[in-house]
C-alpha cells in the first residue's frame, strides 16, 4: 500500500463513520463534509476525476445540511 491508497482508505473510512454518527450531533455532519472533501482530493489525486467531482458535490450538500441543522 502506498501513501495515496492509505489516504483514500482514511477518507472513505471517515466518511462511513461520520455518516453513521450524524444523528448524534450536527458536528458529525460537518465532519462528514470534511471527509467528503478529503475523498474528493483523493479522487483527483488518483486520476478518478468523476469520483472527485461527486465527492466535492457531497461535501457542499453536507455543509448546507450542517448549516440548516444549526438553524433549527
C-alpha atoms as a PDB file:
ATOM      1  CA  UNK A   1       0.000   0.000   0.000  1.00  0.00           C
ATOM      2  CA  UNK A   2       1.284   3.438  -0.870  1.00  0.00           C
ATOM      3  CA  UNK A   3       0.563   6.772   0.829  1.00  0.00           C
ATOM      4  CA  UNK A   4      -2.160   7.732  -1.648  1.00  0.00           C
ATOM      5  CA  UNK A   5      -4.035   4.467  -1.070  1.00  0.00           C
ATOM      6  CA  UNK A   6      -3.800   4.917   2.705  1.00  0.00           C
ATOM      7  CA  UNK A   7      -5.088   8.472   2.356  1.00  0.00           C
ATOM      8  CA  UNK A   8      -8.051   7.220   0.315  1.00  0.00           C
ATOM      9  CA  UNK A   9      -8.770   4.489   2.845  1.00  0.00           C
ATOM     10  CA  UNK A  10      -8.704   7.058   5.638  1.00  0.00           C
ATOM     11  CA  UNK A  11     -11.034   9.419   3.743  1.00  0.00           C
ATOM     12  CA  UNK A  12     -13.603   6.746   2.909  1.00  0.00           C
ATOM     13  CA  UNK A  13     -13.490   5.286   6.431  1.00  0.00           C
ATOM     14  CA  UNK A  14     -14.002   8.754   7.895  1.00  0.00           C
ATOM     15  CA  UNK A  15     -16.969   9.265   5.576  1.00  0.00           C
ATOM     16  CA  UNK A  16     -18.537   5.997   6.724  1.00  0.00           C
ATOM     17  CA  UNK A  17     -18.034   6.638  10.440  1.00  0.00           C
ATOM     18  CA  UNK A  18     -19.173  10.262  10.410  1.00  0.00           C
ATOM     19  CA  UNK A  19     -22.219   9.437   8.278  1.00  0.00           C
ATOM     20  CA  UNK A  20     -23.226   6.737  10.762  1.00  0.00           C
ATOM     21  CA  UNK A  21     -22.934   9.214  13.657  1.00  0.00           C
ATOM     22  CA  UNK A  22     -24.712  12.192  12.051  1.00  0.00           C
ATOM     23  CA  UNK A  23     -27.840  11.843  14.199  1.00  0.00           C
ATOM     24  CA  UNK A  24     -25.835  12.234  17.396  1.00  0.00           C
ATOM     25  CA  UNK A  25     -24.628  15.763  16.709  1.00  0.00           C
ATOM     26  CA  UNK A  26     -24.667  18.311  13.936  1.00  0.00           C
ATOM     27  CA  UNK A  27     -20.882  18.385  14.206  1.00  0.00           C
ATOM     28  CA  UNK A  28     -20.740  14.913  12.707  1.00  0.00           C
ATOM     29  CA  UNK A  29     -22.481  16.385   9.654  1.00  0.00           C
ATOM     30  CA  UNK A  30     -19.660  18.901   9.339  1.00  0.00           C
ATOM     31  CA  UNK A  31     -17.104  16.134   9.877  1.00  0.00           C
ATOM     32  CA  UNK A  32     -18.813  14.190   7.081  1.00  0.00           C
ATOM     33  CA  UNK A  33     -18.465  17.236   4.822  1.00  0.00           C
ATOM     34  CA  UNK A  34     -14.740  17.427   5.596  1.00  0.00           C
ATOM     35  CA  UNK A  35     -14.361  13.690   4.962  1.00  0.00           C
ATOM     36  CA  UNK A  36     -16.124  14.098   1.602  1.00  0.00           C
ATOM     37  CA  UNK A  37     -13.690  16.901   0.801  1.00  0.00           C
ATOM     38  CA  UNK A  38     -10.808  14.556   1.578  1.00  0.00           C
ATOM     39  CA  UNK A  39     -12.424  11.912  -0.624  1.00  0.00           C
ATOM     40  CA  UNK A  40     -12.653  14.473  -3.403  1.00  0.00           C
ATOM     41  CA  UNK A  41      -8.974  15.315  -3.083  1.00  0.00           C
ATOM     42  CA  UNK A  42      -8.166  11.606  -3.185  1.00  0.00           C
ATOM     43  CA  UNK A  43     -10.242  11.126  -6.330  1.00  0.00           C
ATOM     44  CA  UNK A  44      -8.467  13.926  -8.155  1.00  0.00           C
ATOM     45  CA  UNK A  45      -5.015  12.833  -6.976  1.00  0.00           C
ATOM     46  CA  UNK A  46      -5.523   9.280  -8.145  1.00  0.00           C
ATOM     47  CA  UNK A  47      -6.897  10.411 -11.507  1.00  0.00           C
ATOM     48  CA  UNK A  48     -10.534   9.450 -10.987  1.00  0.00           C
ATOM     49  CA  UNK A  49     -11.909  12.934 -11.598  1.00  0.00           C
ATOM     50  CA  UNK A  50     -15.604  11.834 -11.749  1.00  0.00           C
ATOM     51  CA  UNK A  51     -15.229  10.482  -8.199  1.00  0.00           C
ATOM     52  CA  UNK A  52     -13.553  13.730  -7.173  1.00  0.00           C
ATOM     53  CA  UNK A  53     -16.381  15.815  -8.618  1.00  0.00           C
ATOM     54  CA  UNK A  54     -19.116  13.734  -6.958  1.00  0.00           C
ATOM     55  CA  UNK A  55     -17.385  13.851  -3.584  1.00  0.00           C
ATOM     56  CA  UNK A  56     -16.971  17.627  -3.883  1.00  0.00           C
ATOM     57  CA  UNK A  57     -20.708  17.931  -4.511  1.00  0.00           C
ATOM     58  CA  UNK A  58     -21.461  15.714  -1.492  1.00  0.00           C
ATOM     59  CA  UNK A  59     -19.226  17.954   0.594  1.00  0.00           C
ATOM     60  CA  UNK A  60     -21.210  21.050  -0.402  1.00  0.00           C
ATOM     61  CA  UNK A  61     -24.510  19.244   0.272  1.00  0.00           C
ATOM     62  CA  UNK A  62     -23.284  18.203   3.729  1.00  0.00           C
ATOM     63  CA  UNK A  63     -22.157  21.737   4.600  1.00  0.00           C
ATOM     64  CA  UNK A  64     -25.620  23.008   3.662  1.00  0.00           C
ATOM     65  CA  UNK A  65     -27.206  20.305   5.860  1.00  0.00           C
ATOM     66  CA  UNK A  66     -24.906  21.284   8.740  1.00  0.00           C
ATOM     67  CA  UNK A  67     -25.865  24.936   8.327  1.00  0.00           C
ATOM     68  CA  UNK A  68     -29.578  24.099   8.318  1.00  0.00           C
ATOM     69  CA  UNK A  69     -29.217  21.858  11.378  1.00  0.00           C
ATOM     70  CA  UNK A  70     -27.779  24.796  13.310  1.00  0.00           C
ATOM     71  CA  UNK A  71     -30.758  26.991  12.496  1.00  0.00           C
ATOM     72  CA  UNK A  72     -33.401  24.574  13.739  1.00  0.00           C
END
